[in-house]
Protein backbone atom coordinates (compact mmCIF):
# COMPACT_ATOMS: atom_id res chain seq x y z
CA MET A 1 0.00 0.00 0.00
CA LEU A 2 2.79 2.43 0.77
CA PHE A 3 5.59 2.01 -1.76
CA VAL A 4 7.33 -0.88 -3.43
CA VAL A 5 11.11 -1.16 -3.38
CA ALA A 6 13.35 -1.28 -6.44
CA GLY A 7 17.06 -2.05 -6.46
CA ILE A 8 19.97 -3.93 -8.01
CA PRO A 9 23.15 -5.46 -6.65
CA THR A 10 26.08 -3.07 -6.39
CA SER A 11 28.00 -5.36 -8.76
CA LEU A 12 25.55 -4.37 -11.51
CA ARG A 13 26.00 -0.61 -11.17
CA ALA A 14 26.51 1.54 -14.24
CA ALA A 15 30.18 2.14 -14.96
CA SER A 16 30.17 5.77 -13.92
CA GLY A 17 30.58 8.02 -10.96
CA PRO A 18 28.17 10.30 -9.08
CA GLY A 19 26.61 13.02 -11.16
CA GLN A 20 26.21 10.91 -14.29
CA GLY A 21 22.42 11.07 -14.19
CA GLN A 22 22.40 14.84 -14.73
CA SER A 23 23.86 14.48 -18.25
CA LEU A 24 21.59 11.61 -19.29
CA GLN A 25 18.43 12.05 -21.30
CA ASN A 26 15.08 11.30 -19.67
CA ASP A 27 14.49 8.12 -21.71
CA GLU A 28 17.90 6.70 -20.78
CA VAL A 29 17.34 7.35 -17.07
CA ILE A 30 13.95 5.62 -17.27
CA ARG A 31 15.51 2.63 -19.04
CA ARG A 32 18.13 2.27 -16.31
CA ILE A 33 15.57 2.57 -13.52
CA ASP A 34 13.48 -0.15 -15.20
CA SER A 35 16.58 -2.34 -15.51
CA ALA A 36 17.31 -1.85 -11.81
CA VAL A 37 13.82 -3.01 -10.87
CA LYS A 38 14.06 -6.09 -13.09
CA ALA A 39 17.46 -7.01 -11.68
CA ARG A 40 16.10 -6.90 -8.14
CA ILE A 41 13.02 -8.96 -8.95
CA ASP A 42 15.13 -11.53 -10.78
CA GLY A 43 18.00 -11.50 -8.27
CA ILE A 44 16.30 -12.10 -4.92
CA ALA A 45 14.97 -15.61 -4.29
CA SER A 46 13.68 -14.81 -0.80
CA TYR A 47 14.24 -12.68 2.26
CA THR A 48 13.12 -12.33 5.86
CA VAL A 49 12.78 -9.05 7.73
CA GLN A 50 11.35 -7.85 11.03
CA GLU A 51 8.82 -5.03 10.65
CA LEU A 52 7.63 -2.76 13.45
CA TYR A 53 4.31 -0.97 12.79
CA SER A 54 3.55 2.00 15.07
CA ILE A 55 0.48 4.25 15.06
CA TYR A 56 0.55 7.75 16.57
CA ARG A 57 -2.61 9.80 17.13
CA ASN A 58 -2.96 13.60 17.06
CA GLY A 59 0.72 14.39 17.61
CA GLU A 60 1.18 12.19 20.68
CA ALA A 61 4.78 11.22 21.48
CA SER A 62 3.96 7.61 22.36
CA PRO A 63 2.32 5.17 19.93
CA SER A 64 -1.32 4.25 20.47
CA ALA A 65 -0.68 0.81 18.98
CA GLN A 66 2.29 -1.26 17.85
CA VAL A 67 2.66 -4.58 16.08
CA THR A 68 5.91 -6.40 15.30
CA VAL A 69 5.85 -9.07 12.61
CA LYS A 70 8.34 -11.35 10.94
CA THR A 71 7.92 -11.12 7.18
CA VAL A 72 9.04 -13.84 4.79
CA TYR A 73 9.11 -13.04 1.09
CA THR A 74 9.52 -15.84 -1.46
CA ARG A 75 9.74 -15.11 -5.14
CA GLY A 76 6.79 -16.63 -6.97
CA ALA A 77 4.77 -16.96 -3.75
CA GLY A 78 4.71 -13.52 -2.14
CA LYS A 79 4.79 -12.58 1.54
CA GLU A 80 3.77 -14.30 4.75
CA TYR A 81 3.53 -12.48 8.09
CA THR A 82 4.04 -14.00 11.53
CA PRO A 83 3.08 -11.79 14.52
CA ILE A 84 5.78 -11.46 17.17
CA SER A 85 4.25 -8.92 19.57
CA ALA A 86 1.38 -6.44 19.83
CA THR A 87 0.64 -3.61 22.26
CA GLY A 88 -1.82 -0.75 22.58
CA SER A 89 -5.26 -0.30 21.09
CA SER A 90 -6.68 -3.54 19.70
CA VAL A 91 -9.15 -1.48 17.65
CA LEU A 92 -6.37 0.38 15.84
CA ARG A 93 -4.38 -2.81 15.36
CA SER A 94 -7.38 -4.52 13.78
CA ALA A 95 -8.77 -1.57 11.82
CA VAL A 96 -5.48 -0.24 10.48
CA ILE A 97 -2.40 -2.45 10.86
CA ASP A 98 -4.10 -5.76 10.06
CA LYS A 99 -5.62 -4.24 6.92
CA VAL A 100 -2.29 -2.73 5.87
CA LEU A 101 -0.62 -6.14 6.22
CA ALA A 102 -3.40 -7.81 4.21
CA ASN A 103 -3.00 -5.21 1.47
CA GLU A 104 0.81 -5.57 1.42
CA LYS A 105 0.40 -9.35 1.17
CA GLU A 106 -1.94 -8.96 -1.80
CA MET A 107 0.48 -6.61 -3.58
CA ALA A 108 3.41 -8.99 -3.08
CA LYS A 109 1.73 -11.89 -4.90
CA ALA A 110 3.59 -12.95 -8.02
CA ALA A 111 0.65 -11.93 -10.22
CA ASN A 112 0.62 -8.39 -8.80
CA ARG A 113 4.26 -7.63 -8.04
CA GLU A 114 5.26 -6.04 -11.35
CA SER A 115 2.08 -3.94 -11.39
CA VAL A 116 3.13 -2.10 -8.20
CA ALA A 117 6.84 -1.59 -8.94
CA VAL A 118 8.30 1.87 -9.57
CA THR A 119 8.76 1.39 -13.33
CA SER A 120 7.70 3.18 -16.50
CA ALA A 121 4.97 0.58 -16.97
CA ASN A 122 3.24 1.95 -13.87
CA TYR A 123 4.40 5.58 -13.82
CA GLU A 124 4.93 8.51 -16.13
CA MET A 125 8.48 9.58 -15.25
CA GLN A 126 10.14 12.94 -15.78
CA LEU A 127 13.73 13.72 -14.83
CA LEU A 128 13.99 16.83 -12.65
CA PRO A 129 16.97 19.25 -12.75
CA GLY A 130 19.78 19.06 -10.24
CA HIS A 131 20.99 16.54 -7.67
CA GLU A 132 20.24 16.09 -3.98
CA THR A 133 22.04 14.18 -1.25
CA ILE A 134 19.67 11.78 0.55
CA ASN A 135 20.99 9.63 3.40
CA GLY A 136 24.54 10.32 2.24
CA ARG A 137 23.87 9.26 -1.37
CA ASP A 138 24.07 11.50 -4.44
CA CYS A 139 20.66 11.26 -6.12
CA ILE A 140 18.84 12.27 -9.26
CA MET A 141 15.16 13.12 -8.89
CA MET A 142 12.18 11.95 -10.92
CA ASN A 143 8.63 13.26 -10.96
CA LEU A 144 6.32 10.23 -10.78
CA LYS A 145 2.69 10.15 -11.90
CA ALA A 146 0.66 6.95 -11.60
CA ARG A 147 -0.66 5.57 -14.87
CA ARG A 148 -3.67 4.10 -13.05
CA LYS A 149 -5.83 5.58 -10.31
CA VAL A 150 -5.40 2.89 -7.66
CA THR A 151 -4.42 3.01 -3.99
CA TYR A 152 -1.20 1.02 -4.35
CA LEU A 153 0.31 3.53 -6.79
CA PHE A 154 1.09 7.14 -5.89
CA ASN A 155 1.80 10.57 -7.32
CA GLY A 156 4.97 12.29 -6.13
CA LYS A 157 8.75 12.18 -6.46
CA GLY A 158 11.44 9.53 -6.39
CA TRP A 159 15.13 9.93 -5.55
CA PHE A 160 17.43 7.42 -7.28
CA ASP A 161 21.14 6.79 -6.75
CA ALA A 162 23.00 8.74 -9.45
CA ALA A 163 25.52 5.90 -9.88
CA ASP A 164 23.35 2.79 -10.10
CA PHE A 165 19.75 4.12 -10.39
CA THR A 166 18.51 2.17 -7.37
CA LEU A 167 15.72 3.68 -5.30
CA VAL A 168 16.77 5.78 -2.29
CA HIS A 169 13.67 7.73 -1.25
CA LEU A 170 10.01 8.23 -2.22
CA GLU A 171 7.49 10.92 -1.29
CA GLY A 172 3.92 11.31 -2.46
CA ALA A 173 0.22 10.67 -2.00
CA PRO A 174 -1.82 7.61 -3.05
CA ALA A 175 -3.22 7.91 -6.55
CA GLN A 176 -6.61 6.98 -5.07
CA SER A 177 -7.94 7.55 -1.55
CA VAL A 178 -6.87 4.83 0.90
CA SER A 179 -10.10 3.33 2.26
CA ILE A 180 -8.36 2.22 5.45
CA PHE A 181 -7.98 5.86 6.48
CA ALA A 182 -10.72 7.53 4.39
CA GLY A 183 -9.04 10.91 4.32
CA ASP A 184 -6.12 12.89 2.99
CA ALA A 185 -2.92 10.83 3.02
CA ALA A 186 0.75 11.46 2.27
CA GLY A 187 3.66 9.07 2.63
CA LYS A 188 7.41 8.65 2.34
CA ARG A 189 9.83 5.73 2.40
CA ASP A 190 13.61 5.43 2.74
CA TYR A 191 15.76 2.63 1.33
CA GLY A 192 19.25 1.41 2.20
CA ARG A 193 21.61 -1.17 0.72
CA ILE A 194 21.45 -4.63 2.28
CA ASN A 195 23.75 -7.25 0.78
CA GLY A 196 24.13 -5.04 -2.27
CA PHE A 197 20.38 -4.53 -2.73
CA SER A 198 18.19 -1.50 -2.09
CA MET A 199 15.72 -2.48 0.65
CA ALA A 200 13.11 -0.56 2.63
CA GLN A 201 14.38 0.87 5.94
CA HIS A 202 11.69 3.25 7.18
CA ALA A 203 8.26 4.37 5.98
CA GLU A 204 5.65 6.86 7.17
CA LEU A 205 2.04 7.47 6.18
CA HIS A 206 0.30 10.55 7.56
CA THR A 207 -3.46 10.92 7.27
CA HIS A 208 -6.21 13.18 8.50
CA ASN A 209 -9.90 12.33 8.67
CA PHE A 210 -12.97 13.01 10.82
CA LEU A 211 -13.01 9.59 12.49
CA LEU A 212 -9.35 9.18 13.53
CA GLY A 213 -8.10 12.78 13.41
CA ASP A 214 -4.38 13.13 12.63
CA THR A 215 -2.83 9.68 12.35
CA LEU A 216 0.79 8.81 11.65
CA MET A 217 1.81 5.23 10.90
CA LYS A 218 5.52 4.41 10.95
CA ILE A 219 7.14 1.19 9.74
CA ASP A 220 10.70 0.29 10.69
CA TYR A 221 12.50 -2.62 8.99
CA SER A 222 15.39 -4.54 10.58
CA ASP A 223 17.30 -7.85 10.58
CA TYR A 224 17.17 -8.55 6.86
CA GLN A 225 18.30 -11.98 5.67
CA ILE A 226 18.46 -12.19 1.88
CA GLN A 227 18.76 -15.30 -0.25
CA LEU A 228 19.86 -14.64 -3.83
CA GLU A 229 18.81 -16.58 -6.88
CA PRO A 230 21.61 -18.97 -7.93
CA ARG A 231 23.55 -17.76 -10.93
CA SER A 232 23.29 -19.78 -14.13
CA PRO A 233 26.58 -21.43 -15.16
CA ASN A 234 28.53 -19.47 -17.78
CA PRO A 235 29.41 -21.81 -20.65
CA ALA A 236 32.52 -19.73 -21.33
CA GLU A 237 33.89 -20.33 -17.85
C-alpha cells in the first residue's frame, strides 16, 4: 500500500561516478531505472525481515498501537507475516495495521508484483533538474505520476542513486484515496543497501480524517536476511 522497493546489486551498477544522471536524457534514465527493478526482482529468491508498525494519534509522542511481525518473502509466492508482539489499542491494530498487512500481502503476490513496482509501466516519469544528497547518497530526482488511479500507486517524487539508479527515497500521495484511512494521506519511504540490494528501511504514512483525526503510521524494517537466486553457469567459464 505504501511504496514498493526497487534495487539492483552493487556489482551491476553503471560504470560511472556520481553526477552521471544529470547528463543523461530522460528516456535513458527511465531505461536504467526499469533495468534496476528487473534485476532486483530476478536476483532475490527470498528474504526475511522484522517489521515494526507504530500508530501515533494527534501528535502524541507515544504510539497508540504497535505490532511487530516477521515477514518472509519468497519469489513466486509472495509474503507471509508471523506476529511477534502487539501492544496498545486492539481497535487500531485490527482496523489499520491488520488491513495494511493484508494489502501488502496482496500486492506482493507474483501476479501483482510487477504492477506495483516503480517502473515506467506503472508511472509517467520525468527527470527533474539538479541533484540532492539523501541519506549520504548522491541522487537524481524523478517526478512520478501513476498511470492508473489505484491506492497502491502514488503521485509524487522519487530519488534514485546517481551511480546505479537504485531507489533511495520516495514521497507522495496515493493515486486513489486509501479506504483504510478515508481521508487525505501522504507518505514517504527510505531505502538502504542490504547485501548489495536496495531495501526498505523506514516508511511513514500521515493521514487526517474526521473519524481518527491526525494519524501517523511508521514502519521500521530490521534484521534482513536475503537469499539470492543462484547464478546460471557461464558456458565460457
